[in-house]
Protein backbone atom coordinates (compact mmCIF):
# COMPACT_ATOMS: atom_id res chain seq x y z
CA MET A 1 -44.71 39.46 87.07
CA ASN A 2 -43.90 41.63 83.83
CA GLN A 3 -40.64 41.86 85.35
CA TYR A 4 -39.61 37.75 85.51
CA HIS A 5 -41.84 37.91 81.87
CA TYR A 6 -39.52 39.82 80.44
CA HIS A 7 -36.08 38.33 81.60
CA ASN A 8 -37.01 35.02 80.61
CA SER A 9 -37.89 35.87 77.22
CA LYS A 10 -34.85 37.49 76.54
CA LYS A 11 -33.21 34.38 77.68
CA LYS A 12 -35.02 32.85 74.85
CA ARG A 13 -34.00 35.12 71.90
CA LYS A 14 -30.97 33.51 69.86
CA ASP A 15 -27.94 35.07 68.37
CA PRO A 16 -28.20 35.40 64.63
CA LEU A 17 -24.33 35.79 64.35
CA GLY A 18 -23.96 32.35 65.69
CA ILE A 19 -26.44 30.68 63.26
CA VAL A 20 -24.61 32.09 60.59
CA LEU A 21 -21.42 31.13 61.89
CA ALA A 22 -22.33 27.48 62.62
CA LEU A 23 -23.97 27.60 58.80
CA LEU A 24 -20.49 28.32 57.35
CA LEU A 25 -18.61 26.17 59.18
CA LEU A 26 -21.27 23.28 58.25
CA ALA A 27 -21.09 24.08 54.40
CA VAL A 28 -16.93 24.35 54.42
CA ALA A 29 -16.88 20.67 56.25
CA ILE A 30 -19.41 19.64 53.69
CA LEU A 31 -17.21 20.68 50.68
CA LEU A 32 -13.93 19.77 52.32
CA ILE A 33 -16.16 15.98 52.46
CA VAL A 34 -16.74 15.77 48.62
CA TYR A 35 -13.21 17.55 47.97
CA PHE A 36 -11.59 14.31 49.71
CA VAL A 37 -13.87 11.84 48.00
CA ARG A 38 -13.54 12.66 44.60
CA SER A 39 -9.66 12.78 45.32
CA LYS A 40 -9.62 9.18 46.52
CA SER A 41 -12.03 8.21 43.47
CA PRO A 42 -10.35 6.75 39.85
CA ALA A 43 -10.12 8.28 37.06
CA SER A 44 -13.03 8.50 34.54
CA PRO A 45 -12.16 6.50 30.97
CA GLU A 46 -14.25 9.17 28.79
CA THR A 47 -11.58 12.27 30.67
CA GLY A 48 -9.62 11.75 27.70
CA ASP A 49 -6.71 11.03 29.19
CA GLN A 50 -6.15 7.33 28.19
CA PRO A 51 -3.84 7.52 24.82
CA ALA A 52 -5.69 6.92 21.88
CA LEU A 53 -4.74 3.18 20.13
CA SER A 54 -2.46 3.48 17.02
CA GLN A 55 -3.89 2.39 13.41
CA GLN A 56 -2.63 -0.70 12.37
CA THR A 57 -1.78 -1.19 8.28
CA THR A 58 -2.17 -4.17 7.06
CA THR A 59 0.73 -6.51 5.54
CA ASP A 60 -1.88 -8.51 3.76
CA PRO A 61 -1.70 -7.77 0.10
CA GLN A 62 -4.50 -9.29 -0.71
CA ALA A 63 -6.82 -7.36 1.82
CA SER A 64 -9.81 -5.19 0.01
CA SER A 65 -11.23 -2.24 1.13
CA SER A 66 -14.87 -2.08 2.44
CA GLU A 67 -15.83 1.16 1.31
CA THR A 68 -17.91 1.98 -1.83
CA PRO A 69 -16.53 3.89 -4.40
CA SER A 70 -18.08 7.16 -5.77
CA ARG A 71 -18.05 5.46 -9.57
CA PRO A 72 -17.69 2.04 -10.89
CA LEU A 73 -13.47 1.15 -10.63
CA PRO A 74 -12.21 0.93 -14.38
CA SER A 75 -9.40 -1.65 -14.85
CA THR A 76 -6.70 0.37 -13.06
CA GLU A 77 -9.20 2.58 -10.51
CA VAL A 78 -7.73 2.63 -6.69
CA GLN A 79 -9.90 1.62 -3.75
CA THR A 80 -10.60 3.99 -1.28
CA THR A 81 -8.56 2.71 1.16
CA PRO A 82 -4.77 2.04 0.40
CA VAL A 83 -3.17 -1.60 1.29
CA THR A 84 0.30 -0.89 2.59
CA THR A 85 3.07 -2.47 4.49
CA ALA A 86 6.07 -0.99 6.26
CA ALA A 87 7.78 1.83 4.47
CA PRO A 88 9.49 0.52 1.72
CA THR A 89 13.47 0.08 1.30
CA THR A 90 14.05 0.65 -2.37
CA GLY A 91 17.68 1.04 -2.93
CA PRO A 92 20.84 3.55 -1.87
CA ALA A 93 19.69 6.14 0.27
CA THR A 94 21.25 8.90 -1.65
CA ASP A 95 19.22 9.05 -4.68
CA GLU A 96 15.17 9.36 -4.01
CA ASN A 97 14.76 7.49 -7.44
CA ALA A 98 16.35 4.86 -7.03
CA TRP A 99 13.62 2.44 -6.57
CA LYS A 100 12.50 3.53 -10.08
CA LEU A 101 15.74 1.62 -11.52
CA LEU A 102 15.79 -1.54 -8.89
CA LEU A 103 17.01 -4.01 -11.01
CA VAL A 104 15.74 -7.42 -10.29
CA ASN A 105 16.62 -10.61 -12.39
CA ALA A 106 18.53 -14.23 -11.85
CA ASP A 107 21.54 -12.40 -10.92
CA HIS A 108 20.21 -9.43 -9.32
CA PRO A 109 17.87 -10.77 -6.08
CA LEU A 110 15.54 -8.34 -4.12
CA PRO A 111 17.59 -6.87 -1.27
CA GLU A 112 17.28 -8.19 1.90
CA GLY A 113 13.92 -6.86 3.90
CA PHE A 114 12.36 -5.25 0.87
CA THR A 115 8.81 -3.60 1.18
CA VAL A 116 6.81 -1.90 -0.87
CA GLU A 117 3.41 0.18 0.02
CA LEU A 118 0.97 -0.95 -2.31
CA LYS A 119 -2.45 0.41 -3.76
CA ALA A 120 -5.39 -2.14 -4.31
CA LEU A 121 -7.01 -1.96 -7.70
CA ARG A 122 -9.50 -3.66 -9.10
CA ASN A 123 -9.89 -7.55 -9.07
CA GLY A 124 -7.69 -7.90 -6.16
CA HIS A 125 -4.77 -6.32 -8.45
CA HIS A 126 -1.99 -3.97 -6.63
CA VAL A 127 0.58 -2.10 -7.52
CA ASP A 128 3.49 0.06 -5.64
CA GLU A 129 1.16 3.21 -5.09
CA ARG A 130 3.67 6.00 -6.28
CA ILE A 131 3.02 4.66 -9.88
CA TYR A 132 -0.88 4.62 -9.60
CA PRO A 133 -1.23 8.37 -11.22
CA GLU A 134 0.85 7.83 -14.35
CA LEU A 135 -0.80 3.89 -14.59
CA GLN A 136 -4.35 5.40 -14.43
CA GLN A 137 -3.46 8.10 -16.83
CA MET A 138 -1.85 5.44 -19.05
CA PHE A 139 -5.02 3.39 -18.98
CA ASP A 140 -7.34 6.43 -19.44
CA ASP A 141 -5.60 7.77 -22.24
CA ALA A 142 -6.01 4.33 -24.32
CA ARG A 143 -9.57 3.51 -23.82
CA SER A 144 -10.01 7.22 -25.32
CA ALA A 145 -7.88 6.08 -28.08
CA GLY A 146 -10.05 3.17 -28.23
CA ILE A 147 -8.13 0.65 -26.69
CA TYR A 148 -9.37 -1.47 -23.18
CA PRO A 149 -6.71 -2.63 -21.42
CA LEU A 150 -6.94 -5.16 -18.46
CA ILE A 151 -4.24 -5.92 -16.15
CA ASN A 152 -3.81 -9.68 -15.78
CA GLU A 153 -1.03 -9.93 -13.70
CA SER A 154 0.45 -7.62 -10.69
CA PHE A 155 1.94 -7.21 -7.29
CA ARG A 156 3.42 -10.94 -6.38
CA THR A 157 3.92 -12.48 -2.96
CA ALA A 158 6.78 -14.92 -2.71
CA GLU A 159 4.31 -17.66 -2.46
CA ARG A 160 2.83 -16.88 -5.51
CA GLN A 161 5.59 -16.34 -7.28
CA GLN A 162 6.43 -20.24 -6.15
CA GLN A 163 2.93 -21.47 -7.03
CA ILE A 164 3.21 -19.86 -10.71
CA LEU A 165 6.79 -21.51 -10.95
CA ASP A 166 5.34 -24.91 -10.08
CA LYS A 167 2.95 -24.71 -12.01
CA TYR A 168 4.62 -24.31 -15.09
CA ILE A 169 7.05 -27.05 -14.48
CA ALA A 170 4.47 -29.31 -13.79
CA LYS A 171 2.84 -28.21 -16.91
CA TYR A 172 6.18 -29.31 -18.79
CA GLU A 173 7.00 -32.56 -17.30
CA ALA A 174 3.22 -33.75 -17.91
CA ALA A 175 4.21 -32.94 -21.27
CA GLY A 176 7.17 -35.47 -20.87
CA MET A 177 9.70 -33.57 -20.25
CA SER A 178 12.23 -34.71 -17.29
CA HIS A 179 12.51 -33.02 -14.31
CA ASP A 180 15.29 -30.70 -14.90
CA ASP A 181 14.20 -29.83 -18.49
CA ALA A 182 10.87 -28.58 -17.21
CA VAL A 183 12.76 -26.58 -14.76
CA THR A 184 15.27 -25.44 -17.11
CA LYS A 185 11.76 -24.36 -19.83
CA ALA A 186 10.13 -23.08 -16.62
CA LEU A 187 12.38 -21.24 -15.77
CA THR A 188 12.55 -18.86 -19.20
CA ILE A 189 8.82 -17.34 -18.82
CA VAL A 190 9.33 -17.57 -14.63
CA ALA A 191 11.49 -16.45 -11.95
CA VAL A 192 12.35 -17.78 -8.70
CA PRO A 193 11.02 -16.38 -6.02
CA GLY A 194 12.92 -13.17 -4.88
CA THR A 195 14.23 -12.64 -8.32
CA SER A 196 10.32 -11.28 -10.14
CA GLU A 197 10.18 -7.82 -10.84
CA HIS A 198 6.61 -8.91 -10.03
CA GLN A 199 7.75 -8.47 -6.28
CA LEU A 200 8.54 -5.30 -6.74
CA GLY A 201 5.28 -3.69 -7.54
CA LEU A 202 6.36 -1.86 -10.69
CA ALA A 203 5.75 -4.56 -12.93
CA LEU A 204 2.32 -5.47 -15.06
CA ASP A 205 1.04 -8.23 -17.66
CA ILE A 206 -1.35 -6.18 -19.25
CA ILE A 207 -4.14 -7.89 -21.86
CA ALA A 208 -7.02 -6.78 -23.80
CA GLU A 209 -9.83 -6.60 -21.71
CA TYR A 210 -13.00 -7.15 -24.31
CA ASP A 211 -11.00 -8.52 -27.72
CA SER A 212 -9.63 -12.26 -27.81
CA ASP A 213 -6.93 -10.53 -29.73
CA ASN A 214 -4.26 -8.61 -27.67
CA ASN A 215 -2.00 -7.20 -30.47
CA PRO A 216 -3.95 -3.88 -30.69
CA THR A 217 -3.40 -3.22 -27.02
CA TRP A 218 0.09 -4.49 -26.69
CA ASN A 219 0.91 -2.58 -30.01
CA TRP A 220 -0.45 0.68 -28.43
CA LEU A 221 1.20 0.35 -25.18
CA GLN A 222 4.66 -0.70 -26.72
CA GLN A 223 4.23 2.72 -28.91
CA ASN A 224 3.24 5.26 -25.97
CA CYS A 225 4.13 3.50 -22.28
CA TRP A 226 7.38 5.69 -22.02
CA ARG A 227 5.20 8.23 -22.05
CA TYR A 228 4.04 7.27 -18.56
CA GLY A 229 7.40 6.12 -17.26
CA PHE A 230 6.60 2.50 -19.06
CA ILE A 231 8.91 -0.12 -20.72
CA LEU A 232 8.56 -3.20 -22.43
CA ARG A 233 10.62 -4.99 -19.72
CA TYR A 234 11.96 -8.41 -21.76
CA PRO A 235 11.61 -6.95 -25.53
CA LYS A 236 12.49 -9.21 -28.47
CA GLY A 237 16.11 -10.16 -29.45
CA LYS A 238 16.96 -9.73 -26.13
CA GLU A 239 16.58 -13.06 -24.45
CA GLU A 240 19.83 -13.58 -23.77
CA ILE A 241 20.40 -10.38 -21.70
CA THR A 242 16.98 -10.71 -19.73
CA GLY A 243 17.06 -14.36 -18.97
CA ILE A 244 13.33 -14.18 -20.07
CA ASP A 245 11.57 -15.12 -23.49
CA TYR A 246 9.99 -12.48 -25.14
CA GLU A 247 6.91 -10.67 -23.56
CA PRO A 248 4.98 -8.66 -25.02
CA TRP A 249 2.42 -8.15 -22.34
CA HIS A 250 4.97 -6.93 -19.54
CA PHE A 251 5.52 -3.19 -18.84
CA ARG A 252 7.79 -2.36 -16.13
CA TYR A 253 7.64 1.50 -14.52
CA VAL A 254 10.61 3.10 -14.62
CA GLY A 255 9.86 7.01 -14.84
CA VAL A 256 9.27 8.96 -17.78
CA PRO A 257 13.06 10.64 -18.24
CA THR A 258 14.41 7.09 -18.39
CA ALA A 259 11.41 5.08 -19.95
CA GLU A 260 11.73 7.54 -23.26
CA GLU A 261 16.09 7.00 -23.10
CA ILE A 262 14.86 3.32 -23.21
CA THR A 263 12.74 3.42 -26.12
CA GLU A 264 14.66 5.67 -27.99
CA SER A 265 18.03 3.69 -27.23
CA GLY A 266 16.53 0.31 -27.89
CA LEU A 267 18.20 -0.85 -25.04
CA CYS A 268 16.39 -3.37 -22.34
CA LEU A 269 17.03 -1.82 -19.25
CA GLU A 270 19.81 -4.85 -18.21
CA GLU A 271 21.69 -2.65 -21.76
CA TYR A 272 20.81 0.93 -20.37
CA LEU A 273 22.07 0.29 -16.40
CA GLU A 274 25.26 -1.29 -17.81
CA LYS A 275 25.32 2.03 -19.81
CA LEU A 276 24.73 3.76 -16.94
CA ASN A 277 27.16 2.86 -14.54
CA HIS A 278 30.23 2.98 -17.00
């Protein structure tokens, strides 16, 4: 009986090596199943594999930044976010400074497809972003001298330019002029859309901010604007050449060297460019 018990207990003993092998095979099978399932699953949207959306820029020159500036905005203080359009088309590609001398008048309309990158200023005004640093410096220095200039007109769209022209035509018609005479008179003050410097983003109409008398402001600007690259665009006595009546408030950016030459010579921009090309 003892011999029977010994053989029976020997049959019940399990092989430990077989158990280990079985567990290993089971683990491998589980890993294979998990790998197969994951390989068939769609990629997670949080993996970073998706391309980032490109930042869009606005083509609306009346758009403004929603960010709050760190201090009160003076007349030319730029808002935090610039308003931009497509890259500028500003003149001959051979001269990177040609944009400063781009002539726009009744005989020289804006180049086809012209666009400009704008910076937003206080009160909804906009200028070519390249002139902003010198414009701001000019206004800061004027204030230091006790002069407080204010931008009254800056960049205009073609639509805005047409509205202003129509307003003047209606004004002169209401005063008793015929339509043709009203148009002729209006065009000595307001340019036809496509022929206005205001569409360049380089021209500004400037008045006094706190004084009903604009003359001290205009006098200071006419004496000092060249230091910052600006000229009085439509000077007295040049009406036959510019086609525009004398405007003591209208200043145009041309760059410091050119502004100095034009101011010293007493020429208007048309005369200066004519002399430059001959």
